Protein backbone atom coordinates (compact mmCIF):
# COMPACT_ATOMS: atom_id res chain seq x y z
CA LEU A 1 5.41 -21.61 -20.04
CA ASP A 2 8.23 -19.69 -18.36
CA TRP A 3 8.10 -20.85 -14.73
CA ASN A 4 10.54 -18.18 -13.52
CA ALA A 5 8.39 -15.38 -14.94
CA PHE A 6 5.27 -17.04 -13.56
CA GLY A 7 6.83 -17.35 -10.09
CA LEU A 8 7.92 -13.71 -10.07
CA LEU A 9 4.49 -12.56 -11.23
CA ALA A 10 2.76 -14.68 -8.56
CA ALA A 11 5.06 -13.25 -5.87
CA ALA A 12 4.37 -9.71 -7.08
CA VAL A 13 0.61 -10.24 -6.97
CA PHE A 14 0.89 -11.70 -3.48
CA VAL A 15 2.85 -8.68 -2.24
CA ILE A 16 0.48 -6.20 -3.91
CA PHE A 17 -2.63 -7.69 -2.34
CA ALA A 18 -1.05 -8.54 1.02
CA ASP A 19 -0.41 -4.89 1.93
CA GLN A 20 -4.09 -4.00 1.59
CA ASN A 21 -5.00 -6.20 4.55
CA LEU A 22 -1.79 -5.78 6.51
CA MET A 23 -3.05 -3.31 9.12
CA ALA A 24 -6.57 -4.60 9.77
CA PRO A 25 -5.76 -7.38 12.26
CA ASN A 26 -3.23 -5.16 14.04
CA LEU A 27 -5.18 -1.91 14.54
CA THR A 28 -5.40 -2.26 18.31
CA MET A 29 -1.65 -2.88 18.69
CA ILE A 30 -0.83 0.02 16.35
CA ALA A 31 -3.20 2.31 18.27
CA HIS A 32 -1.55 1.26 21.53
CA ASP A 33 1.90 2.12 20.11
CA PHE A 34 0.67 5.62 19.20
CA GLY A 35 -1.22 6.07 22.48
CA PHE A 36 -4.63 6.31 20.77
CA SER A 37 -7.95 5.78 22.49
CA ASP A 38 -10.44 3.34 20.95
CA ARG A 39 -12.23 6.26 19.28
CA GLU A 40 -8.98 7.65 17.83
CA ARG A 41 -8.04 4.16 16.63
CA ASP A 42 -11.30 3.80 14.73
CA SER A 43 -11.17 7.32 13.33
CA LYS A 44 -7.50 7.61 12.38
CA LEU A 45 -6.42 4.05 11.63
CA GLY A 46 -9.72 2.57 10.52
CA GLY A 47 -11.01 5.65 8.69
CA GLN A 48 -8.52 8.30 7.64
CA ILE A 49 -5.74 5.98 6.50
CA SER A 50 -8.13 3.67 4.65
CA VAL A 51 -9.76 6.56 2.78
CA ALA A 52 -6.39 8.14 1.90
CA PHE A 53 -5.10 4.75 0.68
CA PHE A 54 -7.92 4.48 -1.84
CA LEU A 55 -8.11 8.19 -2.74
CA LEU A 56 -4.57 8.05 -4.10
CA GLY A 57 -4.97 4.52 -5.46
CA LEU A 58 -7.94 5.37 -7.68
CA PRO A 59 -6.29 8.11 -9.77
CA ALA A 60 -3.08 6.06 -9.84
CA CYS A 61 -4.99 3.15 -11.39
CA LEU A 62 -6.46 5.43 -14.06
CA ILE A 63 -3.04 6.86 -14.92
CA ILE A 64 -1.39 3.44 -14.99
CA GLY A 65 -4.22 2.14 -17.16
CA ALA A 66 -3.62 4.92 -19.68
CA LEU A 67 0.13 4.30 -19.59
CA THR A 68 -0.29 0.66 -20.63
CA ASP A 69 -0.87 1.88 -24.19
CA VAL A 70 2.27 4.04 -24.16
CA VAL A 71 4.89 2.33 -21.97
CA GLN A 72 6.26 -1.21 -22.19
CA ARG A 73 4.07 -3.25 -19.84
CA LYS A 74 6.86 -5.15 -18.12
CA ARG A 75 8.64 -1.91 -17.27
CA LEU A 76 5.37 -0.36 -16.07
CA LEU A 77 4.64 -3.36 -13.87
CA VAL A 78 8.06 -3.24 -12.22
CA CYS A 79 7.82 0.52 -11.66
CA THR A 80 4.35 0.34 -10.13
CA ILE A 81 5.37 -2.50 -7.81
CA LEU A 82 8.42 -0.57 -6.63
CA LEU A 83 6.49 2.70 -6.23
CA GLY A 84 3.68 0.99 -4.34
CA GLN A 85 5.65 -1.40 -2.19
CA GLY A 86 8.54 0.92 -1.31
CA PRO A 87 6.40 3.03 1.03
CA CYS A 88 4.85 -0.13 2.44
CA LEU A 89 8.30 -1.41 3.37
CA LEU A 90 9.22 1.96 4.90
CA THR A 91 6.34 1.64 7.39
CA LEU A 92 8.73 -0.56 9.38
CA PHE A 93 10.49 2.63 10.53
CA VAL A 94 7.41 4.69 11.44
CA THR A 95 7.40 6.33 14.87
CA GLN A 96 4.61 8.90 14.45
CA TYR A 97 1.08 8.79 13.09
CA TRP A 98 1.68 11.33 10.30
CA GLU A 99 4.53 9.16 8.96
CA LEU A 100 2.23 6.14 8.85
CA PHE A 101 -0.50 8.22 7.20
CA VAL A 102 1.83 9.49 4.44
CA LEU A 103 3.39 6.10 3.74
CA ARG A 104 0.10 4.21 3.68
CA THR A 105 -1.34 6.87 1.39
CA LEU A 106 1.61 6.44 -0.99
CA THR A 107 1.15 2.68 -0.86
CA GLY A 108 -2.37 3.14 -2.21
């Protein structure tokens, strides 16, 4: 058993699944930062972003699944982690709702 590879894989899985639940406990604070009412918070942050996250994620999963037969799996794993987590990291610099929407969609 290669403990270094195992540790890196465990960290990657943690990061991948952590971003899915990152916003949920903070929706009220995020809405306050954007000046949203409770209704806008529920609609935009709880609805639109969540749907967009999964609407891009579903076709991405199908494409990545097909690529596992064509591309070296280690390389594919690294690329998908970078492509998915890069936008998640960039949400640190968001100042407007549309920026958050685009980046969370790309994270999906």
